[in-house]
PDB file of all heavy atoms in Angstrom:
ATOM      1  N   LYS A   1      -6.732 -13.811   9.673  1.00  0.00           N
ATOM      2  CA  LYS A   1      -5.701 -12.780   9.969  1.00  0.00           C
ATOM      3  C   LYS A   1      -4.712 -12.596   8.900  1.00  0.00           C
ATOM      4  O   LYS A   1      -4.344 -11.421   8.570  1.00  0.00           O
ATOM      5  CB  LYS A   1      -4.968 -13.258  11.311  1.00  0.00           C
ATOM      6  CG  LYS A   1      -4.014 -12.251  11.856  1.00  0.00           C
ATOM      7  CD  LYS A   1      -3.349 -12.749  13.135  1.00  0.00           C
ATOM      8  CE  LYS A   1      -2.284 -11.757  13.678  1.00  0.00           C
ATOM      9  NZ  LYS A   1      -1.622 -12.249  14.890  1.00  0.00           N
ATOM     10  N   VAL A   2      -4.280 -13.631   8.317  1.00  0.00           N
ATOM     11  CA  VAL A   2      -3.346 -13.774   7.108  1.00  0.00           C
ATOM     12  C   VAL A   2      -3.933 -12.935   5.963  1.00  0.00           C
ATOM     13  O   VAL A   2      -3.335 -12.082   5.407  1.00  0.00           O
ATOM     14  CB  VAL A   2      -2.893 -15.041   6.692  1.00  0.00           C
ATOM     15  CG1 VAL A   2      -2.080 -15.042   5.400  1.00  0.00           C
ATOM     16  CG2 VAL A   2      -2.087 -15.696   7.869  1.00  0.00           C
ATOM     17  N   CYS A   3      -5.222 -13.231   5.709  1.00  0.00           N
ATOM     18  CA  CYS A   3      -5.907 -12.602   4.607  1.00  0.00           C
ATOM     19  C   CYS A   3      -6.061 -11.128   4.747  1.00  0.00           C
ATOM     20  O   CYS A   3      -5.716 -10.215   3.835  1.00  0.00           O
ATOM     21  CB  CYS A   3      -7.345 -13.172   4.407  1.00  0.00           C
ATOM     22  SG  CYS A   3      -7.292 -14.785   3.822  1.00  0.00           S
ATOM     23  N   ILE A   4      -6.369 -10.663   6.078  1.00  0.00           N
ATOM     24  CA  ILE A   4      -6.429  -9.248   6.337  1.00  0.00           C
ATOM     25  C   ILE A   4      -5.100  -8.608   6.212  1.00  0.00           C
ATOM     26  O   ILE A   4      -5.073  -7.431   5.618  1.00  0.00           O
ATOM     27  CB  ILE A   4      -7.061  -9.061   7.755  1.00  0.00           C
ATOM     28  CG1 ILE A   4      -8.545  -9.551   7.788  1.00  0.00           C
ATOM     29  CG2 ILE A   4      -6.882  -7.563   8.257  1.00  0.00           C
ATOM     30  CD1 ILE A   4      -9.140  -9.357   9.149  1.00  0.00           C
ATOM     31  N   TRP A   5      -4.116  -9.167   6.616  1.00  0.00           N
ATOM     32  CA  TRP A   5      -2.766  -8.604   6.583  1.00  0.00           C
ATOM     33  C   TRP A   5      -2.353  -8.439   5.008  1.00  0.00           C
ATOM     34  O   TRP A   5      -1.699  -7.473   4.699  1.00  0.00           O
ATOM     35  CB  TRP A   5      -1.778  -9.420   7.353  1.00  0.00           C
ATOM     36  CG  TRP A   5      -1.618  -8.957   8.742  1.00  0.00           C
ATOM     37  CD1 TRP A   5      -1.993  -9.619   9.854  1.00  0.00           C
ATOM     38  CD2 TRP A   5      -1.071  -7.731   9.283  1.00  0.00           C
ATOM     39  NE1 TRP A   5      -1.726  -8.969  10.994  1.00  0.00           N
ATOM     40  CE2 TRP A   5      -1.227  -7.675  10.716  1.00  0.00           C
ATOM     41  CE3 TRP A   5      -0.523  -6.509   8.584  1.00  0.00           C
ATOM     42  CZ2 TRP A   5      -0.723  -6.663  11.404  1.00  0.00           C
ATOM     43  CZ3 TRP A   5      -0.193  -5.547   9.335  1.00  0.00           C
ATOM     44  CH2 TRP A   5      -0.248  -5.580  10.798  1.00  0.00           C
ATOM     45  N   LEU A   6      -2.632  -9.479   4.248  1.00  0.00           N
ATOM     46  CA  LEU A   6      -2.339  -9.315   2.885  1.00  0.00           C
ATOM     47  C   LEU A   6      -3.094  -8.141   2.219  1.00  0.00           C
ATOM     48  O   LEU A   6      -2.440  -7.426   1.301  1.00  0.00           O
ATOM     49  CB  LEU A   6      -2.771 -10.666   2.054  1.00  0.00           C
ATOM     50  CG  LEU A   6      -1.767 -11.947   2.355  1.00  0.00           C
ATOM     51  CD1 LEU A   6      -2.423 -13.194   1.847  1.00  0.00           C
ATOM     52  CD2 LEU A   6      -0.494 -11.687   1.890  1.00  0.00           C
ATOM     53  N   VAL A   7      -4.302  -8.024   2.505  1.00  0.00           N
ATOM     54  CA  VAL A   7      -5.076  -6.831   1.938  1.00  0.00           C
ATOM     55  C   VAL A   7      -4.535  -5.485   2.490  1.00  0.00           C
ATOM     56  O   VAL A   7      -4.336  -4.647   1.649  1.00  0.00           O
ATOM     57  CB  VAL A   7      -6.547  -7.061   2.231  1.00  0.00           C
ATOM     58  CG1 VAL A   7      -7.391  -5.614   1.831  1.00  0.00           C
ATOM     59  CG2 VAL A   7      -7.216  -8.202   1.579  1.00  0.00           C
ATOM     60  N   VAL A   8      -4.224  -5.429   3.776  1.00  0.00           N
ATOM     61  CA  VAL A   8      -3.684  -4.289   4.391  1.00  0.00           C
ATOM     62  C   VAL A   8      -2.321  -3.888   3.652  1.00  0.00           C
ATOM     63  O   VAL A   8      -2.074  -2.711   3.327  1.00  0.00           O
ATOM     64  CB  VAL A   8      -3.609  -4.380   5.861  1.00  0.00           C
ATOM     65  CG1 VAL A   8      -2.704  -3.129   6.395  1.00  0.00           C
ATOM     66  CG2 VAL A   8      -4.954  -4.458   6.631  1.00  0.00           C
ATOM     67  N   ALA A   9      -1.531  -4.917   3.572  1.00  0.00           N
ATOM     68  CA  ALA A   9      -0.150  -4.733   2.967  1.00  0.00           C
ATOM     69  C   ALA A   9      -0.465  -4.236   1.509  1.00  0.00           C
ATOM     70  O   ALA A   9       0.402  -3.221   1.054  1.00  0.00           O
ATOM     71  CB  ALA A   9       0.647  -6.032   2.920  1.00  0.00           C
ATOM     72  N   SER A  10      -1.313  -4.713   0.774  1.00  0.00           N
ATOM     73  CA  SER A  10      -1.573  -4.324  -0.641  1.00  0.00           C
ATOM     74  C   SER A  10      -1.967  -2.827  -0.574  1.00  0.00           C
ATOM     75  O   SER A  10      -1.264  -2.039  -1.484  1.00  0.00           O
ATOM     76  CB  SER A  10      -2.724  -5.008  -1.192  1.00  0.00           C
ATOM     77  OG  SER A  10      -2.438  -6.405  -1.306  1.00  0.00           O
ATOM     78  N   TYR A  11      -2.804  -2.349   0.292  1.00  0.00           N
ATOM     79  CA  TYR A  11      -3.087  -0.876   0.445  1.00  0.00           C
ATOM     80  C   TYR A  11      -1.975  -0.078   0.825  1.00  0.00           C
ATOM     81  O   TYR A  11      -1.751   1.063   0.317  1.00  0.00           O
ATOM     82  CB  TYR A  11      -4.385  -0.768   1.259  1.00  0.00           C
ATOM     83  CG  TYR A  11      -5.595  -0.843   0.529  1.00  0.00           C
ATOM     84  CD1 TYR A  11      -6.183  -2.148   0.575  1.00  0.00           C
ATOM     85  CD2 TYR A  11      -6.139   0.078  -0.215  1.00  0.00           C
ATOM     86  CE1 TYR A  11      -7.386  -2.394  -0.100  1.00  0.00           C
ATOM     87  CE2 TYR A  11      -7.378  -0.211  -0.915  1.00  0.00           C
ATOM     88  CZ  TYR A  11      -7.957  -1.297  -0.903  1.00  0.00           C
ATOM     89  OH  TYR A  11      -9.198  -1.591  -1.579  1.00  0.00           O
ATOM     90  N   LEU A  12      -1.109  -0.619   1.757  1.00  0.00           N
ATOM     91  CA  LEU A  12       0.026   0.282   2.245  1.00  0.00           C
ATOM     92  C   LEU A  12       1.082   0.428   1.011  1.00  0.00           C
ATOM     93  O   LEU A  12       1.635   1.626   0.804  1.00  0.00           O
ATOM     94  CB  LEU A  12       0.654  -0.526   3.441  1.00  0.00           C
ATOM     95  CG  LEU A  12      -0.095  -0.550   4.673  1.00  0.00           C
ATOM     96  CD1 LEU A  12       0.713  -1.216   5.792  1.00  0.00           C
ATOM     97  CD2 LEU A  12      -0.205   1.018   5.188  1.00  0.00           C
ATOM     98  N   VAL A  13       1.321  -0.615   0.318  1.00  0.00           N
ATOM     99  CA  VAL A  13       2.266  -0.530  -0.776  1.00  0.00           C
ATOM    100  C   VAL A  13       1.712   0.441  -1.821  1.00  0.00           C
ATOM    101  O   VAL A  13       2.335   1.216  -2.432  1.00  0.00           O
ATOM    102  CB  VAL A  13       2.475  -1.803  -1.477  1.00  0.00           C
ATOM    103  CG1 VAL A  13       3.280  -1.755  -2.822  1.00  0.00           C
ATOM    104  CG2 VAL A  13       3.245  -2.847  -0.426  1.00  0.00           C
ATOM    105  N   GLY A  14       0.292   0.296  -2.031  1.00  0.00           N
ATOM    106  CA  GLY A  14      -0.345   1.231  -3.008  1.00  0.00           C
ATOM    107  C   GLY A  14      -0.218   2.593  -2.689  1.00  0.00           C
ATOM    108  O   GLY A  14       0.012   3.487  -3.470  1.00  0.00           O
ATOM    109  N   CYS A  15      -0.586   2.904  -1.473  1.00  0.00           N
ATOM    110  CA  CYS A  15      -0.365   4.391  -0.882  1.00  0.00           C
ATOM    111  C   CYS A  15       1.049   4.865  -1.072  1.00  0.00           C
ATOM    112  O   CYS A  15       1.232   6.083  -1.437  1.00  0.00           O
ATOM    113  CB  CYS A  15      -0.949   4.390   0.590  1.00  0.00           C
ATOM    114  SG  CYS A  15      -2.678   4.224   0.661  1.00  0.00           S
ATOM    115  N   ALA A  16       1.940   4.076  -0.625  1.00  0.00           N
ATOM    116  CA  ALA A  16       3.264   4.471  -0.779  1.00  0.00           C
ATOM    117  C   ALA A  16       3.850   4.731  -2.232  1.00  0.00           C
ATOM    118  O   ALA A  16       4.505   5.690  -2.468  1.00  0.00           O
ATOM    119  CB  ALA A  16       4.256   3.434  -0.106  1.00  0.00           C
ATOM    120  N   ASN A  17       3.357   3.837  -3.130  1.00  0.00           N
ATOM    121  CA  ASN A  17       3.628   4.044  -4.630  1.00  0.00           C
ATOM    122  C   ASN A  17       2.990   5.286  -5.135  1.00  0.00           C
ATOM    123  O   ASN A  17       3.698   6.142  -5.725  1.00  0.00           O
ATOM    124  CB  ASN A  17       3.111   2.821  -5.322  1.00  0.00           C
ATOM    125  CG  ASN A  17       3.376   2.854  -6.848  1.00  0.00           C
ATOM    126  OD1 ASN A  17       4.455   3.369  -7.272  1.00  0.00           O
ATOM    127  ND2 ASN A  17       2.357   2.616  -7.685  1.00  0.00           N
ATOM    128  N   GLY A  18       1.730   5.621  -4.795  1.00  0.00           N
ATOM    129  CA  GLY A  18       1.120   6.837  -5.238  1.00  0.00           C
ATOM    130  C   GLY A  18       1.716   8.110  -4.673  1.00  0.00           C
ATOM    131  O   GLY A  18       1.925   9.099  -5.391  1.00  0.00           O
ATOM    132  N   LEU A  19       2.148   8.013  -3.332  1.00  0.00           N
ATOM    133  CA  LEU A  19       2.711   9.118  -2.684  1.00  0.00           C
ATOM    134  C   LEU A  19       4.076   9.433  -3.288  1.00  0.00           C
ATOM    135  O   LEU A  19       4.433  10.720  -3.607  1.00  0.00           O
ATOM    136  CB  LEU A  19       2.945   8.863  -1.171  1.00  0.00           C
ATOM    137  CG  LEU A  19       3.326  10.018  -0.404  1.00  0.00           C
ATOM    138  CD1 LEU A  19       2.271  11.188  -0.336  1.00  0.00           C
ATOM    139  CD2 LEU A  19       3.468   9.548   1.101  1.00  0.00           C
ATOM    140  N   ILE A  20       4.900   8.532  -3.577  1.00  0.00           N
ATOM    141  CA  ILE A  20       6.235   8.632  -4.178  1.00  0.00           C
ATOM    142  C   ILE A  20       6.143   9.292  -5.592  1.00  0.00           C
ATOM    143  O   ILE A  20       6.874  10.405  -5.807  1.00  0.00           O
ATOM    144  CB  ILE A  20       6.939   7.320  -4.272  1.00  0.00           C
ATOM    145  CG1 ILE A  20       7.366   6.841  -2.788  1.00  0.00           C
ATOM    146  CG2 ILE A  20       8.341   7.438  -5.202  1.00  0.00           C
ATOM    147  CD1 ILE A  20       7.945   5.456  -2.782  1.00  0.00           C
ATOM    148  N   HIS A  21       5.297   8.821  -6.419  1.00  0.00           N
ATOM    149  CA  HIS A  21       5.207   9.228  -7.741  1.00  0.00           C
ATOM    150  C   HIS A  21       4.538  10.778  -7.856  1.00  0.00           C
ATOM    151  O   HIS A  21       4.928  11.569  -8.517  1.00  0.00           O
ATOM    152  CB  HIS A  21       4.460   8.402  -8.632  1.00  0.00           C
ATOM    153  CG  HIS A  21       5.279   7.126  -8.978  1.00  0.00           C
ATOM    154  ND1 HIS A  21       6.544   7.045  -9.433  1.00  0.00           N
ATOM    155  CD2 HIS A  21       5.031   5.781  -8.822  1.00  0.00           C
ATOM    156  CE1 HIS A  21       6.976   5.909  -9.534  1.00  0.00           C
ATOM    157  NE2 HIS A  21       6.042   5.015  -9.264  1.00  0.00           N
ATOM    158  N   THR A  22       3.527  10.821  -6.924  1.00  0.00           N
ATOM    159  CA  THR A  22       2.736  12.155  -6.996  1.00  0.00           C
ATOM    160  C   THR A  22       3.801  13.269  -6.452  1.00  0.00           C
ATOM    161  O   THR A  22       3.682  14.287  -7.018  1.00  0.00           O
ATOM    162  CB  THR A  22       1.592  11.956  -6.011  1.00  0.00           C
ATOM    163  OG1 THR A  22       0.672  10.988  -6.592  1.00  0.00           O
ATOM    164  CG2 THR A  22       0.703  13.320  -6.187  1.00  0.00           C
ATOM    165  N   ASN A  23       4.392  12.856  -5.341  1.00  0.00           N
ATOM    166  CA  ASN A  23       5.338  13.935  -4.772  1.00  0.00           C
ATOM    167  C   ASN A  23       6.466  14.331  -5.667  1.00  0.00           C
ATOM    168  O   ASN A  23       6.711  15.517  -5.887  1.00  0.00           O
ATOM    169  CB  ASN A  23       5.783  13.287  -3.467  1.00  0.00           C
ATOM    170  CG  ASN A  23       6.611  14.395  -2.727  1.00  0.00           C
ATOM    171  OD1 ASN A  23       6.082  15.533  -2.372  1.00  0.00           O
ATOM    172  ND2 ASN A  23       7.816  14.057  -2.251  1.00  0.00           N
ATOM    173  N   THR A  24       7.064  13.309  -6.285  1.00  0.00           N
ATOM    174  CA  THR A  24       8.237  13.581  -7.149  1.00  0.00           C
ATOM    175  C   THR A  24       7.825  14.291  -8.454  1.00  0.00           C
ATOM    176  O   THR A  24       8.529  15.007  -9.055  1.00  0.00           O
ATOM    177  CB  THR A  24       9.012  12.307  -7.487  1.00  0.00           C
ATOM    178  OG1 THR A  24       8.173  11.381  -7.881  1.00  0.00           O
ATOM    179  CG2 THR A  24       9.769  11.874  -6.160  1.00  0.00           C
TER     180      THR A  24
END
């Protein structure tokens, strides 16, 4: 469960980072 959450969190942060820079 911890491992899955760490991977999911990595993708959520990655998507947020990509969205912020692409949008601005």
